[in-house]
N, C-alpha and C. Protein backbone atom coordinates (compact mmCIF):
# COMPACT_ATOMS: atom_id res chain seq x y z
N UNK A 1 21.74 1.92 -27.44
CA UNK A 1 20.35 1.74 -27.06
C UNK A 1 19.86 3.02 -26.36
N UNK A 2 18.74 3.56 -26.78
CA UNK A 2 18.21 4.80 -26.21
C UNK A 2 17.52 4.54 -24.88
N UNK A 3 17.60 5.54 -24.02
CA UNK A 3 16.93 5.43 -22.72
C UNK A 3 15.53 5.99 -22.81
N UNK A 4 14.62 5.34 -22.12
CA UNK A 4 13.25 5.87 -22.05
C UNK A 4 13.24 7.07 -21.11
N UNK A 5 12.43 8.02 -21.45
CA UNK A 5 12.31 9.20 -20.60
C UNK A 5 11.64 8.82 -19.29
N UNK A 6 12.14 9.39 -18.20
CA UNK A 6 11.53 9.13 -16.89
C UNK A 6 10.28 9.99 -16.70
N UNK A 7 10.07 10.94 -17.59
CA UNK A 7 8.89 11.82 -17.47
C UNK A 7 7.63 11.03 -17.73
N UNK A 8 6.53 11.34 -17.02
CA UNK A 8 5.28 10.62 -17.25
C UNK A 8 4.74 10.91 -18.65
N UNK A 9 4.13 9.89 -19.25
CA UNK A 9 3.53 10.06 -20.57
C UNK A 9 2.28 10.90 -20.47
N UNK A 10 1.89 11.48 -21.59
CA UNK A 10 0.71 12.34 -21.63
C UNK A 10 -0.54 11.58 -21.15
N UNK A 11 -0.65 10.32 -21.57
CA UNK A 11 -1.80 9.51 -21.15
C UNK A 11 -1.83 9.30 -19.65
N UNK A 12 -0.64 9.08 -19.06
CA UNK A 12 -0.57 8.90 -17.61
C UNK A 12 -1.02 10.17 -16.89
N UNK A 13 -0.59 11.32 -17.42
CA UNK A 13 -0.97 12.58 -16.81
C UNK A 13 -2.47 12.81 -16.91
N UNK A 14 -3.05 12.44 -18.05
CA UNK A 14 -4.50 12.60 -18.20
C UNK A 14 -5.26 11.67 -17.25
N UNK A 15 -4.77 10.45 -17.12
CA UNK A 15 -5.42 9.52 -16.20
C UNK A 15 -5.37 10.05 -14.77
N UNK A 16 -4.21 10.58 -14.37
CA UNK A 16 -4.09 11.15 -13.02
C UNK A 16 -5.00 12.37 -12.87
N UNK A 17 -5.13 13.16 -13.92
CA UNK A 17 -6.02 14.33 -13.88
C UNK A 17 -7.46 13.89 -13.69
N UNK A 18 -7.85 12.80 -14.34
CA UNK A 18 -9.21 12.28 -14.18
C UNK A 18 -9.44 11.82 -12.75
N UNK A 19 -8.45 11.14 -12.18
CA UNK A 19 -8.59 10.67 -10.81
C UNK A 19 -8.62 11.84 -9.83
N UNK A 20 -7.79 12.85 -10.08
CA UNK A 20 -7.80 14.04 -9.23
C UNK A 20 -9.16 14.74 -9.29
N UNK A 21 -9.71 14.83 -10.51
CA UNK A 21 -11.02 15.48 -10.68
C UNK A 21 -12.10 14.70 -9.96
N UNK A 22 -12.07 13.38 -10.06
CA UNK A 22 -13.07 12.55 -9.38
C UNK A 22 -12.97 12.71 -7.88
N UNK A 23 -11.75 12.74 -7.35
CA UNK A 23 -11.58 12.90 -5.90
C UNK A 23 -12.12 14.26 -5.44
N UNK A 24 -11.83 15.30 -6.21
CA UNK A 24 -12.32 16.63 -5.85
C UNK A 24 -13.85 16.67 -5.89
N UNK A 25 -14.45 16.04 -6.88
CA UNK A 25 -15.91 16.03 -6.99
C UNK A 25 -16.56 15.24 -5.86
N UNK A 26 -15.90 14.17 -5.42
CA UNK A 26 -16.46 13.36 -4.34
C UNK A 26 -16.54 14.12 -3.03
N UNK A 27 -15.78 15.20 -2.91
CA UNK A 27 -15.84 16.03 -1.71
C UNK A 27 -17.23 16.65 -1.55
N UNK A 28 -17.92 16.85 -2.68
CA UNK A 28 -19.19 17.58 -2.65
C UNK A 28 -20.38 16.76 -3.12
N UNK A 29 -20.14 15.55 -3.61
CA UNK A 29 -21.25 14.76 -4.15
C UNK A 29 -21.00 13.28 -3.91
N UNK A 30 -22.04 12.50 -3.87
CA UNK A 30 -21.92 11.06 -3.72
C UNK A 30 -21.69 10.41 -5.07
N UNK A 31 -21.36 9.13 -5.04
CA UNK A 31 -21.09 8.42 -6.29
C UNK A 31 -22.32 8.40 -7.19
N UNK A 32 -23.50 8.31 -6.59
CA UNK A 32 -24.72 8.26 -7.40
C UNK A 32 -24.87 9.51 -8.25
N UNK A 33 -24.51 10.67 -7.70
CA UNK A 33 -24.66 11.93 -8.41
C UNK A 33 -23.45 12.25 -9.28
N UNK A 34 -22.36 11.57 -9.06
CA UNK A 34 -21.15 11.81 -9.84
C UNK A 34 -21.36 11.36 -11.27
N UNK A 35 -21.00 12.20 -12.24
CA UNK A 35 -21.21 11.85 -13.65
C UNK A 35 -19.89 11.82 -14.40
N UNK A 36 -19.88 11.04 -15.46
CA UNK A 36 -18.72 10.97 -16.34
C UNK A 36 -18.42 12.36 -16.92
N UNK A 37 -19.49 13.09 -17.27
CA UNK A 37 -19.31 14.43 -17.84
C UNK A 37 -18.58 15.35 -16.85
N UNK A 38 -18.99 15.29 -15.58
CA UNK A 38 -18.38 16.16 -14.58
C UNK A 38 -16.91 15.79 -14.36
N UNK A 39 -16.61 14.51 -14.35
CA UNK A 39 -15.22 14.07 -14.17
C UNK A 39 -14.36 14.55 -15.33
N UNK A 40 -14.86 14.34 -16.56
CA UNK A 40 -14.12 14.76 -17.75
C UNK A 40 -13.91 16.26 -17.75
N UNK A 41 -14.96 17.00 -17.44
CA UNK A 41 -14.85 18.46 -17.41
C UNK A 41 -13.84 18.91 -16.37
N UNK A 42 -13.86 18.29 -15.18
CA UNK A 42 -12.91 18.63 -14.13
C UNK A 42 -11.47 18.37 -14.53
N UNK A 43 -11.28 17.37 -15.40
CA UNK A 43 -9.92 17.04 -15.87
C UNK A 43 -9.54 17.83 -17.11
N UNK A 44 -10.50 18.60 -17.65
CA UNK A 44 -10.21 19.40 -18.84
C UNK A 44 -10.15 18.63 -20.13
N UNK A 45 -10.88 17.50 -20.19
CA UNK A 45 -10.92 16.73 -21.43
C UNK A 45 -12.38 16.45 -21.79
N UNK A 46 -12.60 15.91 -22.97
CA UNK A 46 -13.95 15.61 -23.41
C UNK A 46 -14.42 14.30 -22.80
N UNK A 47 -15.75 14.13 -22.78
CA UNK A 47 -16.33 12.89 -22.27
C UNK A 47 -15.82 11.70 -23.08
N UNK A 48 -15.75 11.87 -24.39
CA UNK A 48 -15.26 10.78 -25.24
C UNK A 48 -13.84 10.38 -24.91
N UNK A 49 -13.01 11.36 -24.57
CA UNK A 49 -11.62 11.05 -24.21
C UNK A 49 -11.54 10.26 -22.91
N UNK A 50 -12.46 10.53 -21.99
CA UNK A 50 -12.46 9.79 -20.72
C UNK A 50 -12.61 8.29 -20.97
N UNK A 51 -13.44 7.94 -21.96
CA UNK A 51 -13.69 6.52 -22.22
C UNK A 51 -12.47 5.80 -22.79
N UNK A 52 -11.46 6.56 -23.19
CA UNK A 52 -10.21 5.94 -23.61
C UNK A 52 -9.50 5.33 -22.39
N UNK A 53 -9.74 5.91 -21.21
CA UNK A 53 -9.07 5.47 -19.99
C UNK A 53 -9.96 4.61 -19.10
N UNK A 54 -11.25 4.93 -19.04
CA UNK A 54 -12.17 4.24 -18.14
C UNK A 54 -13.50 3.98 -18.84
N UNK A 55 -14.10 2.83 -18.55
CA UNK A 55 -15.37 2.48 -19.18
C UNK A 55 -16.57 3.19 -18.58
N UNK A 56 -16.47 3.55 -17.29
CA UNK A 56 -17.58 4.22 -16.60
C UNK A 56 -17.06 4.82 -15.30
N UNK A 57 -17.96 5.46 -14.56
CA UNK A 57 -17.52 6.14 -13.33
C UNK A 57 -17.10 5.13 -12.26
N UNK A 58 -17.63 3.91 -12.30
CA UNK A 58 -17.24 2.91 -11.32
C UNK A 58 -15.78 2.49 -11.52
N UNK A 59 -15.35 2.44 -12.78
CA UNK A 59 -13.95 2.14 -13.05
C UNK A 59 -13.05 3.29 -12.59
N UNK A 60 -13.54 4.52 -12.73
CA UNK A 60 -12.79 5.67 -12.23
C UNK A 60 -12.63 5.55 -10.71
N UNK A 61 -13.72 5.23 -10.03
CA UNK A 61 -13.67 5.11 -8.57
C UNK A 61 -12.73 3.97 -8.16
N UNK A 62 -12.81 2.84 -8.86
CA UNK A 62 -11.94 1.71 -8.53
C UNK A 62 -10.47 2.10 -8.67
N UNK A 63 -10.13 2.83 -9.74
CA UNK A 63 -8.75 3.27 -9.95
C UNK A 63 -8.34 4.29 -8.89
N UNK A 64 -9.27 5.15 -8.51
CA UNK A 64 -9.00 6.15 -7.48
C UNK A 64 -8.75 5.48 -6.13
N UNK A 65 -9.57 4.51 -5.81
CA UNK A 65 -9.39 3.76 -4.56
C UNK A 65 -8.05 3.04 -4.59
N UNK A 66 -7.74 2.40 -5.71
CA UNK A 66 -6.48 1.66 -5.82
C UNK A 66 -5.29 2.60 -5.64
N UNK A 67 -5.35 3.79 -6.23
CA UNK A 67 -4.26 4.76 -6.09
C UNK A 67 -4.08 5.15 -4.63
N UNK A 68 -5.18 5.39 -3.94
CA UNK A 68 -5.12 5.80 -2.54
C UNK A 68 -4.61 4.66 -1.66
N UNK A 69 -5.07 3.45 -1.96
CA UNK A 69 -4.67 2.31 -1.13
C UNK A 69 -3.19 1.97 -1.31
N UNK A 70 -2.62 2.31 -2.46
CA UNK A 70 -1.18 2.11 -2.64
C UNK A 70 -0.40 2.89 -1.59
N UNK A 71 -0.92 4.05 -1.19
CA UNK A 71 -0.28 4.86 -0.14
C UNK A 71 -0.25 4.09 1.18
N UNK A 72 -1.37 3.42 1.50
CA UNK A 72 -1.43 2.65 2.74
C UNK A 72 -0.49 1.45 2.66
N UNK A 73 -0.47 0.79 1.51
CA UNK A 73 0.41 -0.37 1.37
C UNK A 73 1.87 0.04 1.49
N UNK A 74 2.22 1.20 0.94
CA UNK A 74 3.60 1.69 1.05
C UNK A 74 3.95 1.95 2.51
N UNK A 75 2.98 2.51 3.26
CA UNK A 75 3.20 2.75 4.69
C UNK A 75 3.39 1.43 5.43
N UNK A 76 2.60 0.42 5.05
CA UNK A 76 2.73 -0.90 5.68
C UNK A 76 4.10 -1.50 5.38
N UNK A 77 4.56 -1.35 4.13
CA UNK A 77 5.88 -1.88 3.77
C UNK A 77 6.97 -1.18 4.56
N UNK A 78 6.84 0.13 4.72
CA UNK A 78 7.82 0.89 5.49
C UNK A 78 7.83 0.44 6.94
N UNK A 79 6.64 0.19 7.49
CA UNK A 79 6.53 -0.29 8.87
C UNK A 79 7.20 -1.65 9.01
N UNK A 80 6.98 -2.52 8.04
CA UNK A 80 7.52 -3.87 8.10
C UNK A 80 9.05 -3.87 8.10
N UNK A 81 9.64 -2.88 7.47
CA UNK A 81 11.09 -2.83 7.36
C UNK A 81 11.77 -2.33 8.63
N UNK A 82 11.00 -1.76 9.56
CA UNK A 82 11.58 -1.23 10.80
C UNK A 82 11.62 -2.33 11.86
N UNK A 83 12.76 -2.99 11.94
CA UNK A 83 12.91 -4.08 12.91
C UNK A 83 13.73 -3.64 14.12
N UNK A 84 14.08 -2.36 14.18
CA UNK A 84 14.95 -1.90 15.27
C UNK A 84 14.21 -1.06 16.32
N UNK A 85 13.18 -0.33 15.90
CA UNK A 85 12.43 0.49 16.87
C UNK A 85 11.58 -0.39 17.77
N UNK A 86 11.29 0.07 18.99
CA UNK A 86 10.40 -0.70 19.86
C UNK A 86 9.03 -0.91 19.18
N UNK A 87 8.43 -2.09 19.35
CA UNK A 87 7.18 -2.38 18.67
C UNK A 87 6.07 -1.36 18.91
N UNK A 88 5.99 -0.82 20.13
CA UNK A 88 4.94 0.17 20.41
C UNK A 88 5.14 1.42 19.57
N UNK A 89 6.38 1.84 19.40
CA UNK A 89 6.66 3.01 18.56
C UNK A 89 6.30 2.74 17.10
N UNK A 90 6.60 1.54 16.63
CA UNK A 90 6.27 1.16 15.26
C UNK A 90 4.76 1.20 15.07
N UNK A 91 4.03 0.65 16.05
CA UNK A 91 2.57 0.65 15.98
C UNK A 91 2.03 2.07 15.94
N UNK A 92 2.55 2.94 16.81
CA UNK A 92 2.05 4.31 16.85
C UNK A 92 2.31 5.03 15.53
N UNK A 93 3.49 4.82 14.94
CA UNK A 93 3.78 5.43 13.64
C UNK A 93 2.82 4.91 12.59
N UNK A 94 2.52 3.62 12.65
CA UNK A 94 1.61 3.03 11.67
C UNK A 94 0.22 3.63 11.79
N UNK A 95 -0.29 3.77 13.00
CA UNK A 95 -1.63 4.34 13.19
C UNK A 95 -1.65 5.80 12.76
N UNK A 96 -0.60 6.54 13.08
CA UNK A 96 -0.53 7.94 12.64
C UNK A 96 -0.47 8.03 11.11
N UNK A 97 0.17 7.05 10.49
CA UNK A 97 0.18 6.99 9.02
C UNK A 97 -1.21 6.77 8.46
N UNK A 98 -1.98 5.90 9.10
CA UNK A 98 -3.36 5.67 8.68
C UNK A 98 -4.17 6.95 8.83
N UNK A 99 -3.97 7.64 9.95
CA UNK A 99 -4.67 8.92 10.16
C UNK A 99 -4.35 9.91 9.04
N UNK A 100 -3.07 9.98 8.66
CA UNK A 100 -2.66 10.92 7.62
C UNK A 100 -3.39 10.63 6.30
N UNK A 101 -3.49 9.35 5.95
CA UNK A 101 -4.19 9.00 4.70
C UNK A 101 -5.67 9.35 4.79
N UNK A 102 -6.29 9.09 5.93
CA UNK A 102 -7.71 9.46 6.09
C UNK A 102 -7.89 10.97 6.02
N UNK A 103 -6.97 11.73 6.60
CA UNK A 103 -7.07 13.19 6.54
C UNK A 103 -6.95 13.69 5.09
N UNK A 104 -6.00 13.12 4.36
CA UNK A 104 -5.72 13.59 3.01
C UNK A 104 -6.69 13.04 1.97
N UNK A 105 -7.22 11.84 2.22
CA UNK A 105 -8.06 11.18 1.21
C UNK A 105 -9.32 10.56 1.82
N UNK A 106 -9.85 11.21 2.86
CA UNK A 106 -11.00 10.66 3.57
C UNK A 106 -12.19 10.39 2.68
N UNK A 107 -12.42 11.24 1.70
CA UNK A 107 -13.56 11.06 0.80
C UNK A 107 -13.43 9.76 0.02
N UNK A 108 -12.23 9.51 -0.48
CA UNK A 108 -11.99 8.27 -1.23
C UNK A 108 -12.09 7.07 -0.32
N UNK A 109 -11.53 7.19 0.88
CA UNK A 109 -11.56 6.08 1.82
C UNK A 109 -13.00 5.73 2.20
N UNK A 110 -13.81 6.76 2.45
CA UNK A 110 -15.23 6.51 2.76
C UNK A 110 -15.92 5.83 1.59
N UNK A 111 -15.66 6.31 0.38
CA UNK A 111 -16.27 5.70 -0.80
C UNK A 111 -15.85 4.24 -0.94
N UNK A 112 -14.59 3.96 -0.62
CA UNK A 112 -14.11 2.58 -0.70
C UNK A 112 -14.90 1.68 0.24
N UNK A 113 -15.12 2.15 1.46
CA UNK A 113 -15.89 1.36 2.43
C UNK A 113 -17.35 1.26 1.99
N UNK A 114 -17.92 2.40 1.60
CA UNK A 114 -19.34 2.43 1.25
C UNK A 114 -19.68 1.54 0.06
N UNK A 115 -18.77 1.46 -0.92
CA UNK A 115 -19.08 0.74 -2.15
C UNK A 115 -18.36 -0.59 -2.28
N UNK A 116 -17.61 -0.99 -1.25
CA UNK A 116 -16.87 -2.24 -1.35
C UNK A 116 -17.77 -3.46 -1.49
N UNK A 117 -18.95 -3.40 -0.87
CA UNK A 117 -19.87 -4.54 -0.99
C UNK A 117 -20.58 -4.57 -2.34
N UNK A 118 -20.71 -3.41 -2.97
CA UNK A 118 -21.44 -3.32 -4.25
C UNK A 118 -20.55 -3.55 -5.46
N UNK A 119 -19.28 -3.23 -5.32
CA UNK A 119 -18.36 -3.33 -6.45
C UNK A 119 -17.21 -4.26 -6.08
N UNK A 120 -17.20 -5.48 -6.62
CA UNK A 120 -16.20 -6.48 -6.23
C UNK A 120 -14.75 -6.01 -6.37
N UNK A 121 -14.44 -5.22 -7.39
CA UNK A 121 -13.06 -4.77 -7.58
C UNK A 121 -12.64 -3.87 -6.42
N UNK A 122 -13.54 -2.97 -6.02
CA UNK A 122 -13.24 -2.08 -4.90
C UNK A 122 -13.14 -2.89 -3.61
N UNK A 123 -14.08 -3.81 -3.42
CA UNK A 123 -14.07 -4.64 -2.22
C UNK A 123 -12.80 -5.46 -2.10
N UNK A 124 -12.36 -6.04 -3.23
CA UNK A 124 -11.13 -6.85 -3.21
C UNK A 124 -9.92 -5.98 -2.90
N UNK A 125 -9.85 -4.79 -3.50
CA UNK A 125 -8.71 -3.90 -3.25
C UNK A 125 -8.67 -3.48 -1.78
N UNK A 126 -9.85 -3.16 -1.23
CA UNK A 126 -9.92 -2.74 0.17
C UNK A 126 -9.50 -3.88 1.10
N UNK A 127 -10.06 -5.08 0.88
CA UNK A 127 -9.72 -6.23 1.72
C UNK A 127 -8.24 -6.58 1.63
N UNK A 128 -7.69 -6.53 0.40
CA UNK A 128 -6.27 -6.85 0.23
C UNK A 128 -5.39 -5.87 1.00
N UNK A 129 -5.79 -4.60 1.02
CA UNK A 129 -5.00 -3.59 1.71
C UNK A 129 -5.04 -3.80 3.22
N UNK A 130 -6.23 -4.04 3.76
CA UNK A 130 -6.33 -4.29 5.21
C UNK A 130 -5.56 -5.56 5.56
N UNK A 131 -5.66 -6.58 4.71
CA UNK A 131 -4.92 -7.83 4.97
C UNK A 131 -3.41 -7.60 4.95
N UNK A 132 -2.94 -6.78 4.00
CA UNK A 132 -1.50 -6.49 3.92
C UNK A 132 -1.05 -5.76 5.18
N UNK A 133 -1.86 -4.81 5.63
CA UNK A 133 -1.51 -4.08 6.85
C UNK A 133 -1.53 -5.03 8.04
N UNK A 134 -2.50 -5.94 8.08
CA UNK A 134 -2.58 -6.89 9.19
C UNK A 134 -1.37 -7.82 9.21
N UNK A 135 -0.89 -8.23 8.04
CA UNK A 135 0.30 -9.08 8.01
C UNK A 135 1.50 -8.35 8.59
N UNK A 136 1.62 -7.07 8.24
CA UNK A 136 2.71 -6.26 8.80
C UNK A 136 2.57 -6.14 10.31
N UNK A 137 1.36 -5.85 10.77
CA UNK A 137 1.15 -5.64 12.21
C UNK A 137 1.25 -6.96 12.98
N UNK A 138 1.05 -8.09 12.31
CA UNK A 138 1.29 -9.39 12.95
C UNK A 138 2.74 -9.48 13.39
N UNK A 139 3.65 -9.05 12.52
CA UNK A 139 5.08 -9.06 12.86
C UNK A 139 5.37 -8.14 14.04
N UNK A 140 4.70 -6.99 14.06
CA UNK A 140 4.92 -6.03 15.15
C UNK A 140 4.43 -6.62 16.48
N UNK A 141 3.25 -7.25 16.45
CA UNK A 141 2.72 -7.86 17.67
C UNK A 141 3.61 -9.01 18.14
N UNK A 142 4.11 -9.80 17.19
CA UNK A 142 4.99 -10.91 17.56
C UNK A 142 6.27 -10.37 18.21
N UNK A 143 6.80 -9.26 17.69
CA UNK A 143 7.98 -8.64 18.29
C UNK A 143 7.68 -8.11 19.68
N UNK A 144 6.40 -7.78 19.94
CA UNK A 144 6.01 -7.28 21.26
C UNK A 144 5.79 -8.41 22.26
N UNK A 145 5.95 -9.66 21.80
CA UNK A 145 5.84 -10.80 22.70
C UNK A 145 4.55 -11.57 22.62
N UNK A 146 3.67 -11.21 21.70
CA UNK A 146 2.42 -11.96 21.55
C UNK A 146 2.72 -13.22 20.74
N UNK A 147 2.29 -14.39 21.24
CA UNK A 147 2.59 -15.64 20.53
C UNK A 147 2.12 -15.59 19.08
N UNK A 148 2.96 -16.09 18.19
CA UNK A 148 2.65 -16.07 16.76
C UNK A 148 1.94 -17.35 16.34
N UNK A 149 1.06 -17.84 17.21
CA UNK A 149 0.32 -19.06 16.89
C UNK A 149 -0.88 -18.79 16.01
N UNK A 150 -1.57 -19.85 15.63
CA UNK A 150 -2.70 -19.72 14.70
C UNK A 150 -4.04 -19.62 15.42
N UNK A 151 -4.02 -19.61 16.74
CA UNK A 151 -5.27 -19.57 17.50
C UNK A 151 -5.88 -18.18 17.54
N UNK A 152 -7.06 -18.07 18.17
CA UNK A 152 -7.77 -16.79 18.23
C UNK A 152 -7.06 -15.71 19.04
N UNK A 153 -6.09 -16.11 19.87
CA UNK A 153 -5.34 -15.12 20.63
C UNK A 153 -3.91 -14.97 20.12
N UNK A 154 -3.64 -15.51 18.94
CA UNK A 154 -2.32 -15.38 18.33
C UNK A 154 -2.14 -14.02 17.67
N UNK A 155 -0.90 -13.70 17.33
CA UNK A 155 -0.58 -12.40 16.76
C UNK A 155 -1.36 -12.12 15.47
N UNK A 156 -1.52 -13.12 14.61
CA UNK A 156 -2.21 -12.90 13.33
C UNK A 156 -3.68 -12.58 13.54
N UNK A 157 -4.35 -13.35 14.40
CA UNK A 157 -5.78 -13.12 14.64
C UNK A 157 -5.99 -11.76 15.30
N UNK A 158 -5.15 -11.43 16.26
CA UNK A 158 -5.29 -10.13 16.93
C UNK A 158 -4.99 -8.98 15.97
N UNK A 159 -3.97 -9.13 15.14
CA UNK A 159 -3.64 -8.07 14.19
C UNK A 159 -4.78 -7.83 13.22
N UNK A 160 -5.39 -8.90 12.70
CA UNK A 160 -6.52 -8.73 11.77
C UNK A 160 -7.69 -8.03 12.47
N UNK A 161 -8.01 -8.47 13.68
CA UNK A 161 -9.13 -7.85 14.40
C UNK A 161 -8.84 -6.37 14.68
N UNK A 162 -7.61 -6.07 15.10
CA UNK A 162 -7.26 -4.70 15.43
C UNK A 162 -7.20 -3.81 14.18
N UNK A 163 -6.75 -4.36 13.06
CA UNK A 163 -6.71 -3.57 11.82
C UNK A 163 -8.12 -3.24 11.35
N UNK A 164 -9.04 -4.20 11.44
CA UNK A 164 -10.43 -3.91 11.06
C UNK A 164 -11.08 -2.95 12.04
N UNK A 165 -10.74 -3.06 13.33
CA UNK A 165 -11.23 -2.09 14.31
C UNK A 165 -10.70 -0.69 13.98
N UNK A 166 -9.43 -0.61 13.59
CA UNK A 166 -8.83 0.67 13.22
C UNK A 166 -9.54 1.25 12.00
N UNK A 167 -9.78 0.42 11.01
CA UNK A 167 -10.49 0.86 9.80
C UNK A 167 -11.85 1.43 10.14
N UNK A 168 -12.60 0.71 10.97
CA UNK A 168 -13.96 1.14 11.31
C UNK A 168 -13.94 2.42 12.16
N UNK A 169 -12.96 2.54 13.05
CA UNK A 169 -12.86 3.73 13.90
C UNK A 169 -12.60 4.98 13.05
N UNK A 170 -11.70 4.87 12.09
CA UNK A 170 -11.42 6.01 11.22
C UNK A 170 -12.58 6.28 10.27
N UNK A 171 -13.25 5.24 9.82
CA UNK A 171 -14.42 5.44 8.96
C UNK A 171 -15.50 6.21 9.70
N UNK A 172 -15.76 5.83 10.95
CA UNK A 172 -16.78 6.54 11.74
C UNK A 172 -16.36 8.00 11.96
N UNK A 173 -15.07 8.23 12.18
CA UNK A 173 -14.60 9.60 12.34
C UNK A 173 -14.81 10.39 11.04
N UNK A 174 -14.56 9.76 9.91
CA UNK A 174 -14.72 10.43 8.62
C UNK A 174 -16.18 10.76 8.34
N UNK A 175 -17.09 9.96 8.86
CA UNK A 175 -18.53 10.17 8.63
C UNK A 175 -19.12 11.22 9.58
N UNK A 176 -18.41 11.53 10.65
CA UNK A 176 -18.96 12.46 11.64
C UNK A 176 -18.73 13.90 11.19
N UNK A 177 -19.58 14.82 11.62
CA UNK A 177 -19.40 16.23 11.23
C UNK A 177 -18.07 16.80 11.71
N UNK A 178 -17.59 16.35 12.88
CA UNK A 178 -16.36 16.91 13.44
C UNK A 178 -15.11 16.37 12.74
N UNK A 179 -15.22 15.17 12.17
CA UNK A 179 -14.06 14.50 11.57
C UNK A 179 -12.85 14.52 12.53
N UNK A 180 -13.09 14.06 13.75
CA UNK A 180 -12.05 14.13 14.78
C UNK A 180 -11.10 12.93 14.65
N UNK A 181 -10.19 13.06 13.69
CA UNK A 181 -9.23 11.98 13.45
C UNK A 181 -8.25 11.84 14.60
N UNK A 182 -7.95 12.94 15.28
CA UNK A 182 -7.02 12.87 16.41
C UNK A 182 -7.57 11.98 17.51
N UNK A 183 -8.87 12.11 17.78
CA UNK A 183 -9.50 11.25 18.80
C UNK A 183 -9.49 9.80 18.34
N UNK A 184 -9.75 9.57 17.06
CA UNK A 184 -9.72 8.21 16.52
C UNK A 184 -8.33 7.60 16.71
N UNK A 185 -7.32 8.39 16.44
CA UNK A 185 -5.95 7.91 16.61
C UNK A 185 -5.65 7.60 18.07
N UNK A 186 -6.03 8.50 18.97
CA UNK A 186 -5.76 8.29 20.39
C UNK A 186 -6.43 7.03 20.91
N UNK A 187 -7.70 6.83 20.54
CA UNK A 187 -8.43 5.65 20.99
C UNK A 187 -7.82 4.38 20.41
N UNK A 188 -7.52 4.42 19.12
CA UNK A 188 -6.97 3.24 18.46
C UNK A 188 -5.61 2.87 19.05
N UNK A 189 -4.76 3.87 19.25
CA UNK A 189 -3.44 3.61 19.83
C UNK A 189 -3.60 3.03 21.24
N UNK A 190 -4.55 3.54 22.02
CA UNK A 190 -4.77 3.03 23.38
C UNK A 190 -5.15 1.55 23.36
N UNK A 191 -6.00 1.17 22.40
CA UNK A 191 -6.41 -0.24 22.31
C UNK A 191 -5.24 -1.12 21.89
N UNK A 192 -4.49 -0.69 20.87
CA UNK A 192 -3.31 -1.46 20.45
C UNK A 192 -2.33 -1.60 21.61
N UNK A 193 -2.12 -0.51 22.36
CA UNK A 193 -1.18 -0.55 23.49
C UNK A 193 -1.61 -1.59 24.53
N UNK A 194 -2.91 -1.62 24.83
CA UNK A 194 -3.40 -2.57 25.84
C UNK A 194 -3.15 -4.01 25.40
N UNK A 195 -3.41 -4.26 24.13
CA UNK A 195 -3.17 -5.62 23.62
C UNK A 195 -1.69 -5.95 23.69
N UNK A 196 -0.86 -4.99 23.34
CA UNK A 196 0.58 -5.25 23.29
C UNK A 196 1.20 -5.35 24.68
N UNK A 197 0.55 -4.80 25.70
CA UNK A 197 1.13 -4.83 27.05
C UNK A 197 0.68 -6.05 27.85
N UNK A 198 -0.26 -6.82 27.32
CA UNK A 198 -0.74 -8.02 28.06
C UNK A 198 0.23 -9.18 27.91
């Protein structure tokens, strides 16, 4: 029986090139001004070839958001597997991981927030990612001694509220001219610490 090559297929490489081109274009233009022609040109393929992979620019954005959010989910999975480090250290690593994704893919992250209400696929992907991170952080809060009950002051409710607060804090940092992600991280970590020390 022959083995399949581990190398990516040509189609996979073209799809990634389209997503890379869209992300680069979003650095300088909004989704409204982004065109299929510009994405295809940035990837070095024809407009007709783009339609083999995506039906329109909204599908390109949805795939780009999904690719970026996989990075956050992977970080959440890694955080969940660390049951030996002190919970505060795990939390700090998690928040720094969020900062890293915003620094590297802030344009995509902003687009995900901006268009999540308009495009159900993007909204669902974004909500699922925040929920996955909140489930992980629920475990971290429970390890820190916060009751794992179902009430408004239980670990799950607090983790969800804190994860959405974290999301909004980094989004506001991404929208500001300074893009001061370090300040966003410091403030977010301080809030998580206060909750975990009560």
